[in-house]
Amino acid sequence: MTTLNLSHCEIGSEGAIGIGKNTTWTNLTILNLANNESGAVGARALSENTTWTKLTTLDLSCNGIGLEGAFALSMSSTWTKLTSLEISFNMI
């Protein structure tokens, strides 16, 4: 799998935590989780994933991640190939 689009699926923070724990999507390059209300907790869980080393595009727009979630995302050292990060409409 290289692309996963779960936008508008109402996964919430629990869903984002589950996705963040995934260790099998080693070829994931595009992850769209827009409009899922994952919040800061979900953003933090996603940022802690160390498997997605090929991730180039991440869309977390409209998730209410706030400053805490944005900071957690900025601390990820795994996503060295990330070229597009969409975090609009997140109360940042």
C-alpha atoms as a PDB file:
ATOM      1  CA  MET A   1       0.000   0.000   0.000  1.00  0.00           C
ATOM      2  CA  THR A   2       1.329   3.424  -0.905  1.00  0.00           C
ATOM      3  CA  THR A   3      -1.771   5.624  -0.495  1.00  0.00           C
ATOM      4  CA  LEU A   4      -4.388   5.584   2.241  1.00  0.00           C
ATOM      5  CA  ASN A   5      -7.343   7.981   2.191  1.00  0.00           C
ATOM      6  CA  LEU A   6      -9.499   7.894   5.295  1.00  0.00           C
ATOM      7  CA  SER A   7     -10.708  11.473   5.130  1.00  0.00           C
ATOM      8  CA  HIS A   8     -14.166  12.200   6.565  1.00  0.00           C
ATOM      9  CA  CYS A   9     -14.384   8.769   8.262  1.00  0.00           C
ATOM     10  CA  GLU A  10     -14.955  10.016  11.824  1.00  0.00           C
ATOM     11  CA  ILE A  11     -12.075   7.934  13.216  1.00  0.00           C
ATOM     12  CA  GLY A  12     -11.434  10.347  16.102  1.00  0.00           C
ATOM     13  CA  SER A  13      -8.437  10.143  18.388  1.00  0.00           C
ATOM     14  CA  GLU A  14      -8.884   6.414  19.044  1.00  0.00           C
ATOM     15  CA  GLY A  15      -8.740   5.651  15.330  1.00  0.00           C
ATOM     16  CA  ALA A  16      -5.662   7.822  14.880  1.00  0.00           C
ATOM     17  CA  ILE A  17      -3.984   6.057  17.796  1.00  0.00           C
ATOM     18  CA  GLY A  18      -4.682   2.700  16.141  1.00  0.00           C
ATOM     19  CA  ILE A  19      -3.373   3.883  12.788  1.00  0.00           C
ATOM     20  CA  GLY A  20      -0.283   5.335  14.466  1.00  0.00           C
ATOM     21  CA  LYS A  21       0.553   1.910  15.883  1.00  0.00           C
ATOM     22  CA  ASN A  22       0.636   0.338  12.410  1.00  0.00           C
ATOM     23  CA  THR A  23       3.984  -1.252  11.571  1.00  0.00           C
ATOM     24  CA  THR A  24       3.130  -3.013   8.299  1.00  0.00           C
ATOM     25  CA  TRP A  25       2.651  -0.085   5.909  1.00  0.00           C
ATOM     26  CA  THR A  26       6.344   0.264   5.111  1.00  0.00           C
ATOM     27  CA  ASN A  27       5.674   1.641   1.613  1.00  0.00           C
ATOM     28  CA  LEU A  28       3.116   4.261   2.674  1.00  0.00           C
ATOM     29  CA  THR A  29       3.794   7.554   0.897  1.00  0.00           C
ATOM     30  CA  ILE A  30       0.453   9.406   1.096  1.00  0.00           C
ATOM     31  CA  LEU A  31      -1.791   9.460   4.164  1.00  0.00           C
ATOM     32  CA  ASN A  32      -4.995  11.519   4.117  1.00  0.00           C
ATOM     33  CA  LEU A  33      -6.788  11.741   7.450  1.00  0.00           C
ATOM     34  CA  ALA A  34      -8.493  15.087   6.861  1.00  0.00           C
ATOM     35  CA  ASN A  35     -11.625  15.960   8.810  1.00  0.00           C
ATOM     36  CA  ASN A  36     -11.530  13.161  11.391  1.00  0.00           C
ATOM     37  CA  GLU A  37     -11.352  15.033  14.723  1.00  0.00           C
ATOM     38  CA  SER A  38      -8.226  13.158  15.790  1.00  0.00           C
ATOM     39  CA  GLY A  39      -7.132  16.024  18.039  1.00  0.00           C
ATOM     40  CA  ALA A  40      -3.730  16.492  19.646  1.00  0.00           C
ATOM     41  CA  VAL A  41      -3.763  12.946  21.029  1.00  0.00           C
ATOM     42  CA  GLY A  42      -4.190  11.495  17.554  1.00  0.00           C
ATOM     43  CA  ALA A  43      -1.531  13.750  16.044  1.00  0.00           C
ATOM     44  CA  ARG A  44       0.907  12.707  18.757  1.00  0.00           C
ATOM     45  CA  ALA A  45       0.189   9.008  18.126  1.00  0.00           C
ATOM     46  CA  LEU A  46       0.750   9.437  14.403  1.00  0.00           C
ATOM     47  CA  SER A  47       3.987  11.346  14.963  1.00  0.00           C
ATOM     48  CA  GLU A  48       5.355   8.473  17.050  1.00  0.00           C
ATOM     49  CA  ASN A  49       5.107   5.993  14.172  1.00  0.00           C
ATOM     50  CA  THR A  50       8.608   4.943  13.107  1.00  0.00           C
ATOM     51  CA  THR A  51       7.587   2.660  10.223  1.00  0.00           C
ATOM     52  CA  TRP A  52       6.474   5.229   7.660  1.00  0.00           C
ATOM     53  CA  THR A  53       9.932   6.238   6.464  1.00  0.00           C
ATOM     54  CA  LYS A  54       8.693   6.808   2.888  1.00  0.00           C
ATOM     55  CA  LEU A  55       5.829   9.151   3.827  1.00  0.00           C
ATOM     56  CA  THR A  56       5.839  12.197   1.532  1.00  0.00           C
ATOM     57  CA  THR A  57       2.334  13.608   2.015  1.00  0.00           C
ATOM     58  CA  LEU A  58       0.262  13.900   5.178  1.00  0.00           C
ATOM     59  CA  ASP A  59      -3.115  15.643   5.348  1.00  0.00           C
ATOM     60  CA  LEU A  60      -4.445  16.316   8.830  1.00  0.00           C
ATOM     61  CA  SER A  61      -6.549  19.351   7.996  1.00  0.00           C
ATOM     62  CA  CYS A  62      -9.705  19.904  10.059  1.00  0.00           C
ATOM     63  CA  ASN A  63      -8.704  17.663  12.959  1.00  0.00           C
ATOM     64  CA  GLY A  64      -8.480  20.072  15.874  1.00  0.00           C
ATOM     65  CA  ILE A  65      -4.855  19.175  16.613  1.00  0.00           C
ATOM     66  CA  GLY A  66      -4.048  22.593  18.105  1.00  0.00           C
ATOM     67  CA  LEU A  67      -0.583  23.706  19.142  1.00  0.00           C
ATOM     68  CA  GLU A  68       0.140  20.529  21.073  1.00  0.00           C
ATOM     69  CA  GLY A  69      -0.554  18.319  18.052  1.00  0.00           C
ATOM     70  CA  ALA A  70       1.406  20.567  15.700  1.00  0.00           C
ATOM     71  CA  PHE A  71       4.369  20.464  18.067  1.00  0.00           C
ATOM     72  CA  ALA A  72       4.203  16.653  18.258  1.00  0.00           C
ATOM     73  CA  LEU A  73       4.195  16.429  14.461  1.00  0.00           C
ATOM     74  CA  SER A  74       7.220  18.724  14.267  1.00  0.00           C
ATOM     75  CA  MET A  75       9.169  16.403  16.555  1.00  0.00           C
ATOM     76  CA  SER A  76       8.887  13.355  14.285  1.00  0.00           C
ATOM     77  CA  SER A  77      12.338  12.338  13.106  1.00  0.00           C
ATOM     78  CA  THR A  78      11.040   9.447  10.981  1.00  0.00           C
ATOM     79  CA  TRP A  79       9.364  11.407   8.188  1.00  0.00           C
ATOM     80  CA  THR A  80      12.511  12.680   6.506  1.00  0.00           C
ATOM     81  CA  LYS A  81      10.893  12.476   3.043  1.00  0.00           C
ATOM     82  CA  LEU A  82       7.785  14.460   3.997  1.00  0.00           C
ATOM     83  CA  THR A  83       7.320  17.227   1.429  1.00  0.00           C
ATOM     84  CA  SER A  84       3.649  18.095   1.965  1.00  0.00           C
ATOM     85  CA  LEU A  85       1.959  18.595   5.320  1.00  0.00           C
ATOM     86  CA  GLU A  86      -1.593  19.940   5.339  1.00  0.00           C
ATOM     87  CA  ILE A  87      -2.656  21.153   8.785  1.00  0.00           C
ATOM     88  CA  SER A  88      -5.072  23.946   7.946  1.00  0.00           C
ATOM     89  CA  PHE A  89      -8.194  24.538  10.083  1.00  0.00           C
ATOM     90  CA  ASN A  90      -6.645  23.072  13.244  1.00  0.00           C
ATOM     91  CA  MET A  91      -6.781  25.932  15.745  1.00  0.00           C
ATOM     92  CA  ILE A  92      -3.052  26.551  15.489  1.00  0.00           C
END
